[in-house]
Amino acid sequence: MNYYELLRSYIKNSGLSLSVISERLEQYGYKVSKGYISQLQNGKTENPATEELNRALAAVTGGDVEELLTAALIEKAPKEIKEKISRLSYLKELKRDLNKALIIEDTPAQYIADNLVKVPLLGSIAAGQPIDRIELIEDVEYINKSVVRGQEAFCLRVKGDSMIGDNISEGDIVVCVKQKEVSSTDIAVVAIEGETATVKRIKCEGNICILMPSNPRLQPTIVDSSKVEIIGKVVELRRRF
């Protein structure tokens, strides 16, 4: 907000007419017409008011004296200086808006209820095993509802380094949604021959499924499609530091 905009806001917030402001300025020794005050607030003057008049204007309107004096000083500065100050002000506004966005105004409990869903972190999962009946639950993760979109979800802790090409390392937690079909670009949770599930990309053609790791040191695994069960799809990765 530049000098003229700031003065205009002070005048508006004061609720005083320009005539009344003109009259009250006389108490501070200034005989200023309402026409001049109008020009000042609308940026129609060549320069801001003097320091003394700005002090009087702030006093009459209830505005911040130092803020108005600073704005007037910036307005009088050379163009290059004004541009630099303008950029700094813009960055400060961005930072302020970001800080506001990060503040959760609701209580933690209300925020969790409105925005998050509690998802179990499973020690392991095997083919055909109902997610909601697994007893080995290591912990829970709070996941944003927009990630799981109402689907049944679970989390797994990654073992091994077969998917490091996708930045998935041992110890990471993957958030998954339960589904029976995935595309070849999805990272799937699959179980082979009823064993504990693994995380891989999968491509099935006819009677064959290819499990594709993203670690360049490992080779794809070819498995009979009858031995493979797709349990879900990875939708988010979490890492502890």
C-alpha atoms as a PDB file:
ATOM      1  CA  MET A   1       0.000   0.000   0.000  1.00  0.00           C
ATOM      2  CA  ASN A   2       1.569   3.298  -1.093  1.00  0.00           C
ATOM      3  CA  TYR A   3       1.330   6.665   0.653  1.00  0.00           C
ATOM      4  CA  TYR A   4      -1.837   7.811  -1.108  1.00  0.00           C
ATOM      5  CA  GLU A   5      -3.636   4.509  -0.556  1.00  0.00           C
ATOM      6  CA  LEU A   6      -2.630   4.510   3.102  1.00  0.00           C
ATOM      7  CA  LEU A   7      -3.889   8.065   3.656  1.00  0.00           C
ATOM      8  CA  ARG A   8      -7.120   7.226   1.872  1.00  0.00           C
ATOM      9  CA  SER A   9      -7.637   4.225   4.163  1.00  0.00           C
ATOM     10  CA  TYR A  10      -7.025   6.393   7.240  1.00  0.00           C
ATOM     11  CA  ILE A  11      -9.593   8.917   6.070  1.00  0.00           C
ATOM     12  CA  LYS A  12     -12.134   6.220   5.251  1.00  0.00           C
ATOM     13  CA  ASN A  13     -11.679   4.423   8.571  1.00  0.00           C
ATOM     14  CA  SER A  14     -11.989   7.668  10.516  1.00  0.00           C
ATOM     15  CA  GLY A  15     -15.542   8.144   9.250  1.00  0.00           C
ATOM     16  CA  LEU A  16     -14.873  11.898   8.996  1.00  0.00           C
ATOM     17  CA  SER A  17     -15.766  14.024   6.008  1.00  0.00           C
ATOM     18  CA  LEU A  18     -13.032  15.998   4.276  1.00  0.00           C
ATOM     19  CA  SER A  19     -14.623  19.199   5.562  1.00  0.00           C
ATOM     20  CA  VAL A  20     -14.400  18.026   9.158  1.00  0.00           C
ATOM     21  CA  ILE A  21     -10.796  16.888   8.694  1.00  0.00           C
ATOM     22  CA  SER A  22      -9.967  20.307   7.229  1.00  0.00           C
ATOM     23  CA  GLU A  23     -11.506  22.029  10.241  1.00  0.00           C
ATOM     24  CA  ARG A  24      -9.701  19.826  12.760  1.00  0.00           C
ATOM     25  CA  LEU A  25      -6.355  20.392  11.068  1.00  0.00           C
ATOM     26  CA  GLU A  26      -6.696  24.037  12.024  1.00  0.00           C
ATOM     27  CA  GLN A  27      -6.237  22.942  15.651  1.00  0.00           C
ATOM     28  CA  TYR A  28      -2.737  21.832  14.641  1.00  0.00           C
ATOM     29  CA  GLY A  29      -2.017  25.114  12.913  1.00  0.00           C
ATOM     30  CA  TYR A  30      -2.774  24.024   9.343  1.00  0.00           C
ATOM     31  CA  LYS A  31      -5.247  25.722   7.071  1.00  0.00           C
ATOM     32  CA  VAL A  32      -5.778  23.080   4.431  1.00  0.00           C
ATOM     33  CA  SER A  33      -8.740  22.937   2.081  1.00  0.00           C
ATOM     34  CA  LYS A  34     -10.812  19.794   1.672  1.00  0.00           C
ATOM     35  CA  GLY A  35      -9.915  19.965  -2.045  1.00  0.00           C
ATOM     36  CA  TYR A  36      -6.213  19.570  -1.235  1.00  0.00           C
ATOM     37  CA  ILE A  37      -6.932  16.676   1.116  1.00  0.00           C
ATOM     38  CA  SER A  38      -8.958  15.039  -1.668  1.00  0.00           C
ATOM     39  CA  GLN A  39      -6.041  15.454  -4.078  1.00  0.00           C
ATOM     40  CA  LEU A  40      -3.659  13.979  -1.498  1.00  0.00           C
ATOM     41  CA  GLN A  41      -5.691  10.818  -0.908  1.00  0.00           C
ATOM     42  CA  ASN A  42      -6.220  10.303  -4.643  1.00  0.00           C
ATOM     43  CA  GLY A  43      -2.554  10.785  -5.595  1.00  0.00           C
ATOM     44  CA  LYS A  44      -3.236  13.962  -7.554  1.00  0.00           C
ATOM     45  CA  THR A  45      -0.447  15.958  -5.899  1.00  0.00           C
ATOM     46  CA  GLU A  46       3.130  16.056  -7.120  1.00  0.00           C
ATOM     47  CA  ASN A  47       4.475  15.036  -3.699  1.00  0.00           C
ATOM     48  CA  PRO A  48       3.099  13.729  -0.401  1.00  0.00           C
ATOM     49  CA  ALA A  49       2.308  16.206   2.373  1.00  0.00           C
ATOM     50  CA  THR A  50       5.103  17.540   4.565  1.00  0.00           C
ATOM     51  CA  GLU A  51       6.202  15.590   7.611  1.00  0.00           C
ATOM     52  CA  GLU A  52       4.411  18.019   9.960  1.00  0.00           C
ATOM     53  CA  LEU A  53       1.151  17.878   8.002  1.00  0.00           C
ATOM     54  CA  ASN A  54       1.310  14.096   7.837  1.00  0.00           C
ATOM     55  CA  ARG A  55       1.662  13.969  11.615  1.00  0.00           C
ATOM     56  CA  ALA A  56      -1.412  16.159  11.924  1.00  0.00           C
ATOM     57  CA  LEU A  57      -3.361  14.073   9.370  1.00  0.00           C
ATOM     58  CA  ALA A  58      -2.535  10.859  11.247  1.00  0.00           C
ATOM     59  CA  ALA A  59      -3.586  12.433  14.546  1.00  0.00           C
ATOM     60  CA  VAL A  60      -6.912  13.678  13.155  1.00  0.00           C
ATOM     61  CA  THR A  61      -7.801  10.435  11.362  1.00  0.00           C
ATOM     62  CA  GLY A  62      -6.452   8.065  14.041  1.00  0.00           C
ATOM     63  CA  GLY A  63      -3.881   6.562  11.686  1.00  0.00           C
ATOM     64  CA  ASP A  64      -0.399   5.290  12.474  1.00  0.00           C
ATOM     65  CA  VAL A  65       1.976   8.267  12.363  1.00  0.00           C
ATOM     66  CA  GLU A  66       5.180   6.307  11.715  1.00  0.00           C
ATOM     67  CA  GLU A  67       3.561   4.194   9.017  1.00  0.00           C
ATOM     68  CA  LEU A  68       2.320   7.289   7.190  1.00  0.00           C
ATOM     69  CA  LEU A  69       5.695   9.061   7.493  1.00  0.00           C
ATOM     70  CA  THR A  70       7.496   5.958   6.182  1.00  0.00           C
ATOM     71  CA  ALA A  71       5.090   5.681   3.250  1.00  0.00           C
ATOM     72  CA  ALA A  72       5.634   9.362   2.426  1.00  0.00           C
ATOM     73  CA  LEU A  73       9.411   8.903   2.550  1.00  0.00           C
ATOM     74  CA  ILE A  74       9.221   5.930   0.178  1.00  0.00           C
ATOM     75  CA  GLU A  75       6.969   7.895  -2.180  1.00  0.00           C
ATOM     76  CA  LYS A  76       9.613  10.617  -2.440  1.00  0.00           C
ATOM     77  CA  ALA A  77      12.448   8.162  -3.095  1.00  0.00           C
ATOM     78  CA  PRO A  78      14.017   7.681  -6.571  1.00  0.00           C
ATOM     79  CA  LYS A  79      12.294   5.208  -8.886  1.00  0.00           C
ATOM     80  CA  GLU A  80      14.982   2.509  -8.469  1.00  0.00           C
ATOM     81  CA  ILE A  81      14.699   2.623  -4.689  1.00  0.00           C
ATOM     82  CA  LYS A  82      10.899   2.512  -4.843  1.00  0.00           C
ATOM     83  CA  GLU A  83      11.026  -0.586  -7.062  1.00  0.00           C
ATOM     84  CA  LYS A  84      13.359  -2.395  -4.666  1.00  0.00           C
ATOM     85  CA  ILE A  85      11.190  -1.506  -1.688  1.00  0.00           C
ATOM     86  CA  SER A  86       8.109  -2.623  -3.603  1.00  0.00           C
ATOM     87  CA  ARG A  87       9.686  -6.029  -4.290  1.00  0.00           C
ATOM     88  CA  LEU A  88      10.639  -6.418  -0.635  1.00  0.00           C
ATOM     89  CA  SER A  89       7.116  -5.511   0.447  1.00  0.00           C
ATOM     90  CA  TYR A  90       5.703  -8.064  -1.981  1.00  0.00           C
ATOM     91  CA  LEU A  91       7.951 -10.780  -0.559  1.00  0.00           C
ATOM     92  CA  LYS A  92       6.919  -9.862   2.981  1.00  0.00           C
ATOM     93  CA  GLU A  93       3.269 -10.117   1.993  1.00  0.00           C
ATOM     94  CA  LEU A  94       3.857 -13.537   0.464  1.00  0.00           C
ATOM     95  CA  LYS A  95       5.588 -14.701   3.639  1.00  0.00           C
ATOM     96  CA  ARG A  96       2.765 -13.328   5.780  1.00  0.00           C
ATOM     97  CA  ASP A  97       0.125 -15.056   3.645  1.00  0.00           C
ATOM     98  CA  LEU A  98       2.058 -18.319   3.791  1.00  0.00           C
ATOM     99  CA  ASN A  99       2.295 -18.129   7.573  1.00  0.00           C
ATOM    100  CA  LYS A 100      -1.440 -17.516   7.769  1.00  0.00           C
ATOM    101  CA  ALA A 101      -2.107 -20.502   5.539  1.00  0.00           C
ATOM    102  CA  LEU A 102      -0.002 -22.724   7.780  1.00  0.00           C
ATOM    103  CA  ILE A 103      -1.884 -21.748  10.910  1.00  0.00           C
ATOM    104  CA  ILE A 104      -4.627 -24.196  11.772  1.00  0.00           C
ATOM    105  CA  GLU A 105      -7.393 -22.070  13.208  1.00  0.00           C
ATOM    106  CA  ASP A 106      -9.544 -25.034  14.240  1.00  0.00           C
ATOM    107  CA  THR A 107      -8.700 -27.119  17.271  1.00  0.00           C
ATOM    108  CA  PRO A 108      -6.434 -30.094  16.474  1.00  0.00           C
ATOM    109  CA  ALA A 109      -9.281 -32.544  17.077  1.00  0.00           C
ATOM    110  CA  GLN A 110     -11.631 -30.654  14.777  1.00  0.00           C
ATOM    111  CA  TYR A 111      -8.959 -30.340  12.083  1.00  0.00           C
ATOM    112  CA  ILE A 112      -8.289 -34.091  12.198  1.00  0.00           C
ATOM    113  CA  ALA A 113     -11.998 -34.881  11.997  1.00  0.00           C
ATOM    114  CA  ASP A 114     -12.547 -32.563   9.039  1.00  0.00           C
ATOM    115  CA  ASN A 115      -9.404 -33.208   7.005  1.00  0.00           C
ATOM    116  CA  LEU A 116      -7.628 -36.417   8.009  1.00  0.00           C
ATOM    117  CA  VAL A 117      -8.388 -40.117   8.126  1.00  0.00           C
ATOM    118  CA  LYS A 118      -6.648 -42.610  10.411  1.00  0.00           C
ATOM    119  CA  VAL A 119      -4.963 -45.393   8.421  1.00  0.00           C
ATOM    120  CA  PRO A 120      -3.308 -48.494   9.948  1.00  0.00           C
ATOM    121  CA  LEU A 121       0.414 -49.108   9.457  1.00  0.00           C
ATOM    122  CA  LEU A 122       0.628 -52.865   8.917  1.00  0.00           C
ATOM    123  CA  GLY A 123       3.605 -55.012   9.712  1.00  0.00           C
ATOM    124  CA  SER A 124       2.910 -57.182   6.680  1.00  0.00           C
ATOM    125  CA  ILE A 125       0.075 -58.241   4.405  1.00  0.00           C
ATOM    126  CA  ALA A 126      -0.545 -61.396   2.398  1.00  0.00           C
ATOM    127  CA  ALA A 127      -2.768 -62.165  -0.552  1.00  0.00           C
ATOM    128  CA  GLY A 128      -6.433 -62.659   0.261  1.00  0.00           C
ATOM    129  CA  GLN A 129      -5.992 -61.217   3.731  1.00  0.00           C
ATOM    130  CA  PRO A 130      -8.807 -58.748   4.650  1.00  0.00           C
ATOM    131  CA  ILE A 131      -7.223 -55.428   5.549  1.00  0.00           C
ATOM    132  CA  ASP A 132      -9.683 -54.722   8.344  1.00  0.00           C
ATOM    133  CA  ARG A 133      -8.960 -58.051  10.054  1.00  0.00           C
ATOM    134  CA  ILE A 134      -5.190 -57.867  10.235  1.00  0.00           C
ATOM    135  CA  GLU A 135      -4.095 -57.922  13.865  1.00  0.00           C
ATOM    136  CA  LEU A 136      -0.447 -56.926  13.372  1.00  0.00           C
ATOM    137  CA  ILE A 137      -0.882 -53.163  13.307  1.00  0.00           C
ATOM    138  CA  GLU A 138       2.365 -51.401  14.177  1.00  0.00           C
ATOM    139  CA  ASP A 139       0.983 -47.880  14.301  1.00  0.00           C
ATOM    140  CA  VAL A 140      -1.407 -45.511  12.559  1.00  0.00           C
ATOM    141  CA  GLU A 141      -0.828 -42.717  10.076  1.00  0.00           C
ATOM    142  CA  TYR A 142      -3.042 -39.679   9.645  1.00  0.00           C
ATOM    143  CA  ILE A 143      -3.631 -39.189   5.930  1.00  0.00           C
ATOM    144  CA  ASN A 144      -5.358 -36.313   4.184  1.00  0.00           C
ATOM    145  CA  LYS A 145      -8.777 -37.405   2.968  1.00  0.00           C
ATOM    146  CA  SER A 146      -8.020 -36.026  -0.494  1.00  0.00           C
ATOM    147  CA  VAL A 147      -5.251 -38.633  -0.902  1.00  0.00           C
ATOM    148  CA  VAL A 148      -7.386 -41.738  -0.302  1.00  0.00           C
ATOM    149  CA  ARG A 149     -10.645 -40.270  -1.681  1.00  0.00           C
ATOM    150  CA  GLY A 150     -12.922 -42.430   0.418  1.00  0.00           C
ATOM    151  CA  GLN A 151     -11.208 -45.705  -0.504  1.00  0.00           C
ATOM    152  CA  GLU A 152     -10.101 -48.334   2.008  1.00  0.00           C
ATOM    153  CA  ALA A 153      -6.483 -47.556   2.796  1.00  0.00           C
ATOM    154  CA  PHE A 154      -3.500 -49.062   4.587  1.00  0.00           C
ATOM    155  CA  CYS A 155       0.191 -48.265   5.059  1.00  0.00           C
ATOM    156  CA  LEU A 156       3.207 -50.537   4.698  1.00  0.00           C
ATOM    157  CA  ARG A 157       6.801 -50.108   5.772  1.00  0.00           C
ATOM    158  CA  VAL A 158       9.121 -50.750   2.820  1.00  0.00           C
ATOM    159  CA  LYS A 159      11.673 -53.540   3.036  1.00  0.00           C
ATOM    160  CA  GLY A 160      14.598 -53.730   0.605  1.00  0.00           C
ATOM    161  CA  ASP A 161      15.788 -51.403  -2.122  1.00  0.00           C
ATOM    162  CA  SER A 162      14.006 -52.726  -5.203  1.00  0.00           C
ATOM    163  CA  MET A 163      12.221 -49.407  -5.847  1.00  0.00           C
ATOM    164  CA  ILE A 164      14.965 -46.881  -5.180  1.00  0.00           C
ATOM    165  CA  GLY A 165      14.598 -45.618  -8.732  1.00  0.00           C
ATOM    166  CA  ASP A 166      11.287 -44.170  -7.569  1.00  0.00           C
ATOM    167  CA  ASN A 167      12.940 -42.699  -4.466  1.00  0.00           C
ATOM    168  CA  ILE A 168      11.389 -45.423  -2.295  1.00  0.00           C
ATOM    169  CA  SER A 169      13.945 -46.675   0.219  1.00  0.00           C
ATOM    170  CA  GLU A 170      13.974 -49.247   2.979  1.00  0.00           C
ATOM    171  CA  GLY A 171      12.139 -47.986   6.054  1.00  0.00           C
ATOM    172  CA  ASP A 172       9.896 -45.628   4.106  1.00  0.00           C
ATOM    173  CA  ILE A 173       6.158 -45.831   4.610  1.00  0.00           C
ATOM    174  CA  VAL A 174       3.918 -46.142   1.580  1.00  0.00           C
ATOM    175  CA  VAL A 175       0.266 -45.164   1.770  1.00  0.00           C
ATOM    176  CA  CYS A 176      -1.869 -47.494  -0.336  1.00  0.00           C
ATOM    177  CA  VAL A 177      -5.489 -47.768  -1.378  1.00  0.00           C
ATOM    178  CA  LYS A 178      -7.030 -51.202  -1.757  1.00  0.00           C
ATOM    179  CA  GLN A 179      -7.900 -52.123  -5.354  1.00  0.00           C
ATOM    180  CA  LYS A 180      -7.685 -55.148  -7.607  1.00  0.00           C
ATOM    181  CA  GLU A 181      -6.534 -53.460 -10.805  1.00  0.00           C
ATOM    182  CA  VAL A 182      -3.671 -51.089 -11.578  1.00  0.00           C
ATOM    183  CA  SER A 183      -2.020 -49.701 -14.698  1.00  0.00           C
ATOM    184  CA  SER A 184       1.553 -50.500 -15.678  1.00  0.00           C
ATOM    185  CA  THR A 185       2.598 -46.999 -14.573  1.00  0.00           C
ATOM    186  CA  ASP A 186       1.178 -47.416 -11.066  1.00  0.00           C
ATOM    187  CA  ILE A 187       3.286 -48.677  -8.198  1.00  0.00           C
ATOM    188  CA  ALA A 188       1.309 -51.657  -6.981  1.00  0.00           C
ATOM    189  CA  VAL A 189       1.136 -53.744  -3.844  1.00  0.00           C
ATOM    190  CA  VAL A 190       1.135 -57.377  -4.983  1.00  0.00           C
ATOM    191  CA  ALA A 191       1.354 -60.768  -3.348  1.00  0.00           C
ATOM    192  CA  ILE A 192       2.821 -63.814  -5.103  1.00  0.00           C
ATOM    193  CA  GLU A 193       1.579 -67.286  -4.219  1.00  0.00           C
ATOM    194  CA  GLY A 194      -0.024 -66.037  -1.027  1.00  0.00           C
ATOM    195  CA  GLU A 195       3.247 -64.732   0.398  1.00  0.00           C
ATOM    196  CA  THR A 196       3.772 -61.356   2.061  1.00  0.00           C
ATOM    197  CA  ALA A 197       3.058 -58.450  -0.256  1.00  0.00           C
ATOM    198  CA  THR A 198       5.720 -56.579  -2.165  1.00  0.00           C
ATOM    199  CA  VAL A 199       5.775 -53.178  -3.868  1.00  0.00           C
ATOM    200  CA  LYS A 200       6.489 -53.248  -7.611  1.00  0.00           C
ATOM    201  CA  ARG A 201       5.191 -52.061 -10.945  1.00  0.00           C
ATOM    202  CA  ILE A 202       3.295 -54.834 -12.661  1.00  0.00           C
ATOM    203  CA  LYS A 203       2.403 -55.576 -16.255  1.00  0.00           C
ATOM    204  CA  CYS A 204       0.232 -58.576 -17.140  1.00  0.00           C
ATOM    205  CA  GLU A 205      -0.134 -60.037 -20.612  1.00  0.00           C
ATOM    206  CA  GLY A 206      -2.142 -63.215 -21.019  1.00  0.00           C
ATOM    207  CA  ASN A 207      -0.932 -65.802 -18.527  1.00  0.00           C
ATOM    208  CA  ILE A 208       2.193 -63.880 -17.584  1.00  0.00           C
ATOM    209  CA  CYS A 209       2.793 -61.011 -15.151  1.00  0.00           C
ATOM    210  CA  ILE A 210       6.039 -59.072 -15.090  1.00  0.00           C
ATOM    211  CA  LEU A 211       7.043 -57.518 -11.763  1.00  0.00           C
ATOM    212  CA  MET A 212       9.295 -54.571 -12.509  1.00  0.00           C
ATOM    213  CA  PRO A 213      11.659 -53.100  -9.896  1.00  0.00           C
ATOM    214  CA  SER A 214      13.056 -49.608 -10.431  1.00  0.00           C
ATOM    215  CA  ASN A 215      16.477 -50.472  -9.021  1.00  0.00           C
ATOM    216  CA  PRO A 216      18.715 -50.704 -12.128  1.00  0.00           C
ATOM    217  CA  ARG A 217      20.734 -53.502 -10.494  1.00  0.00           C
ATOM    218  CA  LEU A 218      17.710 -55.799 -10.335  1.00  0.00           C
ATOM    219  CA  GLN A 219      15.984 -57.705 -13.115  1.00  0.00           C
ATOM    220  CA  PRO A 220      12.206 -57.983 -13.665  1.00  0.00           C
ATOM    221  CA  THR A 221      10.512 -61.104 -12.329  1.00  0.00           C
ATOM    222  CA  ILE A 222       8.193 -63.108 -14.597  1.00  0.00           C
ATOM    223  CA  VAL A 223       5.398 -64.924 -12.785  1.00  0.00           C
ATOM    224  CA  ASP A 224       2.359 -66.946 -13.828  1.00  0.00           C
ATOM    225  CA  SER A 225      -0.612 -64.585 -13.544  1.00  0.00           C
ATOM    226  CA  SER A 226      -2.584 -67.186 -11.583  1.00  0.00           C
ATOM    227  CA  LYS A 227      -0.061 -66.848  -8.756  1.00  0.00           C
ATOM    228  CA  VAL A 228      -0.333 -63.047  -8.534  1.00  0.00           C
ATOM    229  CA  GLU A 229      -2.864 -61.018  -6.601  1.00  0.00           C
ATOM    230  CA  ILE A 230      -2.982 -57.250  -6.773  1.00  0.00           C
ATOM    231  CA  ILE A 231      -3.848 -55.845  -3.372  1.00  0.00           C
ATOM    232  CA  GLY A 232      -3.623 -52.111  -3.904  1.00  0.00           C
ATOM    233  CA  LYS A 233      -1.902 -49.063  -5.315  1.00  0.00           C
ATOM    234  CA  VAL A 234       0.644 -46.726  -3.705  1.00  0.00           C
ATOM    235  CA  VAL A 235      -0.705 -43.166  -3.503  1.00  0.00           C
ATOM    236  CA  GLU A 236       1.760 -41.472  -1.138  1.00  0.00           C
ATOM    237  CA  LEU A 237       5.253 -41.908   0.261  1.00  0.00           C
ATOM    238  CA  ARG A 238       6.346 -40.919   3.764  1.00  0.00           C
ATOM    239  CA  ARG A 239       9.853 -40.828   5.126  1.00  0.00           C
ATOM    240  CA  ARG A 240      11.159 -40.515   8.670  1.00  0.00           C
ATOM    241  CA  PHE A 241      14.339 -38.576   9.340  1.00  0.00           C
END
